[in-house]
């Protein structure tokens, strides 16, 4: 589970993109 840091960062970025597309 050493990919917890990058996973969180990628998840955050993905979340932002999804929220932006959903708010579209």
PDB file of N, CA and C in Angstrom:
ATOM      1  N   UNK A   1       0.863  -1.213   0.000  1.00  0.00           N
ATOM      2  CA  UNK A   1       0.000   0.000   0.000  1.00  0.00           C
ATOM      3  C   UNK A   1       0.885   1.244   0.000  1.00  0.00           C
ATOM      4  N   UNK A   2       1.884   1.238  -0.852  1.00  0.00           N
ATOM      5  CA  UNK A   2       2.759   2.427  -0.914  1.00  0.00           C
ATOM      6  C   UNK A   2       2.188   3.436  -1.916  1.00  0.00           C
ATOM      7  N   UNK A   3       1.095   3.060  -2.588  1.00  0.00           N
ATOM      8  CA  UNK A   3       0.505   3.994  -3.585  1.00  0.00           C
ATOM      9  C   UNK A   3      -0.629   4.797  -2.946  1.00  0.00           C
ATOM     10  N   UNK A   4      -0.540   4.947  -1.650  1.00  0.00           N
ATOM     11  CA  UNK A   4      -1.655   5.675  -0.948  1.00  0.00           C
ATOM     12  C   UNK A   4      -1.527   7.175  -1.259  1.00  0.00           C
ATOM     13  N   UNK A   5      -0.308   7.668  -1.321  1.00  0.00           N
ATOM     14  CA  UNK A   5      -0.142   9.135  -1.539  1.00  0.00           C
ATOM     15  C   UNK A   5      -0.542   9.471  -2.997  1.00  0.00           C
ATOM     16  N   UNK A   6       0.064   8.869  -3.981  1.00  0.00           N
ATOM     17  CA  UNK A   6      -0.309   9.166  -5.379  1.00  0.00           C
ATOM     18  C   UNK A   6      -1.772   8.824  -5.653  1.00  0.00           C
ATOM     19  N   UNK A   7      -2.236   7.760  -5.004  1.00  0.00           N
ATOM     20  CA  UNK A   7      -3.637   7.374  -5.224  1.00  0.00           C
ATOM     21  C   UNK A   7      -4.566   8.497  -4.740  1.00  0.00           C
ATOM     22  N   UNK A   8      -4.217   9.074  -3.611  1.00  0.00           N
ATOM     23  CA  UNK A   8      -5.060  10.158  -3.069  1.00  0.00           C
ATOM     24  C   UNK A   8      -5.005  11.364  -4.013  1.00  0.00           C
ATOM     25  N   UNK A   9      -3.814  11.674  -4.480  1.00  0.00           N
ATOM     26  CA  UNK A   9      -3.671  12.840  -5.382  1.00  0.00           C
ATOM     27  C   UNK A   9      -4.463  12.591  -6.663  1.00  0.00           C
ATOM     28  N   UNK A  10      -4.300  11.395  -7.220  1.00  0.00           N
ATOM     29  CA  UNK A  10      -5.028  11.089  -8.479  1.00  0.00           C
ATOM     30  C   UNK A  10      -6.531  11.112  -8.215  1.00  0.00           C
ATOM     31  N   UNK A  11      -6.932  10.607  -7.071  1.00  0.00           N
ATOM     32  CA  UNK A  11      -8.368  10.566  -6.739  1.00  0.00           C
ATOM     33  C   UNK A  11      -8.897  11.995  -6.633  1.00  0.00           C
ATOM     34  N   UNK A  12      -8.102  12.856  -6.025  1.00  0.00           N
ATOM     35  CA  UNK A  12      -8.531  14.252  -5.865  1.00  0.00           C
ATOM     36  C   UNK A  12      -8.689  14.901  -7.240  1.00  0.00           C
ATOM     37  N   UNK A  13      -7.721  14.687  -8.091  1.00  0.00           N
ATOM     38  CA  UNK A  13      -7.787  15.290  -9.436  1.00  0.00           C
ATOM     39  C   UNK A  13      -8.998  14.742 -10.189  1.00  0.00           C
ATOM     40  N   UNK A  14      -9.177  13.437 -10.100  1.00  0.00           N
ATOM     41  CA  UNK A  14     -10.314  12.816 -10.809  1.00  0.00           C
ATOM     42  C   UNK A  14     -11.626  13.354 -10.262  1.00  0.00           C
ATOM     43  N   UNK A  15     -11.675  13.504  -8.944  1.00  0.00           N
ATOM     44  CA  UNK A  15     -12.902  13.998  -8.303  1.00  0.00           C
ATOM     45  C   UNK A  15     -13.217  15.399  -8.828  1.00  0.00           C
ATOM     46  N   UNK A  16     -12.186  16.219  -8.935  1.00  0.00           N
ATOM     47  CA  UNK A  16     -12.392  17.599  -9.423  1.00  0.00           C
ATOM     48  C   UNK A  16     -12.912  17.572 -10.859  1.00  0.00           C
ATOM     49  N   UNK A  17     -12.314  16.726 -11.667  1.00  0.00           N
ATOM     50  CA  UNK A  17     -12.744  16.650 -13.076  1.00  0.00           C
ATOM     51  C   UNK A  17     -14.190  16.156 -13.152  1.00  0.00           C
ATOM     52  N   UNK A  18     -14.495  15.149 -12.388  1.00  0.00           N
ATOM     53  CA  UNK A  18     -15.869  14.598 -12.413  1.00  0.00           C
ATOM     54  C   UNK A  18     -16.854  15.667 -11.925  1.00  0.00           C
ATOM     55  N   UNK A  19     -16.473  16.347 -10.862  1.00  0.00           N
ATOM     56  CA  UNK A  19     -17.394  17.384 -10.329  1.00  0.00           C
ATOM     57  C   UNK A  19     -17.586  18.479 -11.380  1.00  0.00           C
ATOM     58  N   UNK A  20     -16.513  18.805 -12.080  1.00  0.00           N
ATOM     59  CA  UNK A  20     -16.614  19.890 -13.096  1.00  0.00           C
ATOM     60  C   UNK A  20     -17.517  19.396 -14.241  1.00  0.00           C
ATOM     61  N   UNK A  21     -17.361  18.169 -14.644  1.00  0.00           N
ATOM     62  CA  UNK A  21     -18.198  17.648 -15.759  1.00  0.00           C
ATOM     63  C   UNK A  21     -19.649  17.509 -15.291  1.00  0.00           C
ATOM     64  N   UNK A  22     -19.817  17.139 -14.044  1.00  0.00           N
ATOM     65  CA  UNK A  22     -21.189  16.971 -13.523  1.00  0.00           C
ATOM     66  C   UNK A  22     -21.860  18.337 -13.364  1.00  0.00           C
ATOM     67  N   UNK A  23     -21.068  19.320 -12.973  1.00  0.00           N
ATOM     68  CA  UNK A  23     -21.634  20.671 -12.766  1.00  0.00           C
ATOM     69  C   UNK A  23     -21.906  21.322 -14.124  1.00  0.00           C
ATOM     70  N   UNK A  24     -21.386  20.694 -15.168  1.00  0.00           N
ATOM     71  CA  UNK A  24     -21.577  21.284 -16.514  1.00  0.00           C
ATOM     72  C   UNK A  24     -23.062  21.263 -16.789  1.00  0.00           C
TER      73      UNK A  24
END
